[in-house]
Structure formats: structure tokens, C-alpha cells
Amino acid sequence: MHAYAVQDSTGMVKLDAMENPFALPPELQAALGARLGAVAVNRYPGPRVDDLKAALARYVDLPAGCSLMLGNGSDELISLLTLACDLPGATVLAPLPGFVMYAMSAQLQGLKFVGVPLTVDFELDEPAMLAALREHRPAITYIAYPNNPTANLWNADSIRRLIAEAASFGGLVVMDEAYQPFSPRSWLDEIRADPAANANVLLMRTLSKFGLAGVRLGYMVGPQALVHEIDKLRPPYNVSVLNAECALFALEHAEVFAQQAQQICEQRAVLIDALGQTPGFQAFPSEANMVLVRVPDAQRCFDSLKAQGILVKNVSKMHPLLTHCLRLTVGTPSENALLIRALQTPP
């Protein structure tokens, strides 16, 4: 296996990691600096972490009967989930192509991983998913909503049937809503509307796409009894006082980040429209802050963009369904204009 690679982006227009491209306004930068300067970094994290959990509970309108736990990014939550379900013969299942950490975490913990290919148009293959659930009876089934790297939401009725199938043998379904700030739908509404049908569902989110990728803070929501079991495995002090204070500050200014998300969605439409007008390019629908595009030659296009100072993600070799595909993070208006101009410039 290979270590998780991060591309060197020094001096580049960085459109490879689905980050929020907008910095905090200067006045908020100054205010945050003052807040962080007053944090007691000589002490272990204490009540401020509980304050953050309470603030997040209010922010998401935590459903009755649910609890919330924090992770050092969603990656840690995925690791804790895998550890919690590490019984002999346990399996993790997810659609492919999907987020690489589902498989990596399972493999590192010694669980079997089963990937079920999406359809050619990147929809859930419900019959294949149901067959895999019945054959492997996975301890965890991951459903990214929207998906990475395809950026689409899947059919809600299909997901309901998959959740019911997993419940029939005691399997967990984890709804990963990393890109929720840019999506018109959330499974949290389903949990509120029908908690009994979602009694085996855990929902993950992250503040990375919200605008705090550098803070490394994820959170998981689910029935109290389930979250309690996962929380037993959480390392003490897994969220630093600086992380917690940054997140609290961001939630106090949630309207700023909501405006940024709205602008990203508007720019996503501009980018998709421009890609659709570029001969030989096929841009796929997106409900996230990225756009998957199929190009005539992914490696040649990637190299051309890099030579012009623009860094994107070449996903063409991640899965056969992604042949000739690049994943483009939606940037600022000026960054997107540079990207469009570079894509329309012959290599």
C-alpha cells in the first residue's frame, strides 16, 4: 500500500482538495487571533470541548434521542467506527468509487472490505448493493451523501431500502455528509422524520468543507446508545483547545461561512456550464464543492494544468468508472476563470 499523498501546492492555484477557497475577512482574522491568544494551552482540553459539542448540537438541531461526539476530522471517526466493529469475520462495505479512507481504515484494522461498483452514470446499483449486504452482512455500510469523487446525491428510496436491509442483520449504516454545506438535502431530516427506521444509522459531518480544513474537526450524530459505544474508544483529549476554540468562533459567525458556501454553489454552476461548452469534455452533476469531468486524456490535461500553475486531482486511475476523469475543486471566481481558461487552452 501507499501512504496518503498530499500534492505540493507551493505557488499553485490549489483546486485539488475540496477546500473552501475563501479566507476569513481581516477583522475576523484579528478577532480569532485574540481569542486563540487567550486560550490556556498549558492545560488539557476541558469544558470548552463540551461547549463546542453543545454549540454543534444547536447548529444541527440535534434530533431527540441522539447524541453527538467529536473527532479529529472525519478520518478519526472512521477509524473509531472500524475499531468498534472489529470482531472476527467483520466486513465493511461501500460503493465504489468512493472515499478512500473507508477501505484503508478497514484494511489497516484487519477487517474485510467489499466495494460495490456504481452504475456507469454514478448512481447506486441497488440490486448489487442489496445482494452484497445479504452475502457479506457487513458491520458497517458507508453511504457518502454527496459522494466523493462523483459529487452526486443518490436516490433516497434506494438508501432507505439499504438501511432496512442492514438493520435486518444488525449492521450499521454510516451516512457521510462531508459536503453537506453545498447540498440541498441532508439525511438528518430523515432521522428526524423517522427515527425508528434510522435506529441503525450514524451520520458524520466535518467542519473541513464548512471552511476549517486546517482545524481538523469532525463530528458524528446518532442514537445515544450507539454513539455511547463508539465514544468509549475515543482517545482522551482528541480535540485540542485551539481546534475547539476555532470551531466555536466559526459557529458564532456561521452566516459568513454560509455566504461563502452560497458563492461556491454559484461558481459551481459557472464552472459546469463552461465545461459543458468545451469540446470533448463531460462534466457530471454536482451537489458538492467539486466537479468531476471526463476529458479526452486525463494525464495530459492534468500535466497541462500543472504547467500553467493550477493543481487539480487526477482520479482517472482510482477506479475503472473514472477513466479519463479529473476532479476539480470549485474555487474563487478568479481561480475558476483561470481554470476555465487553462482547460480551454490546448496542451
Foldseek 3Di string as FASTA:
>chain_A
DDDDDDDDQVQFAEWADLFLFDDDPPVLVVVLVVLLVPDPQVDFDDCLLVVLQVLVCVVVVAAPQKGKDKALAVLRVLLLLLVLQPDPLAEEEEEPPFDPSNCVSCVVSPHHYYYHYDPLLRERPLVSLLVCCVVRLHQEYEDEAQTPPAQHGYDPVSVLVSLQSSVVSNHAYEYEDQFVLQAPDDCSVVCNVCVVSRQRYKYKYACRNLRPVVLRMIMIMHRPVVVVSSVVPDDPSNHGPSSSSVSVSCSVVSVVSSVSSVQLNVLVVVLQVLQVPAPQKDWHDHSGQKIKIAHPAQVVLQVQSVVVRHHHARCCPVDVSSNRITITGRHHPVSSVSVSVSSNDDD
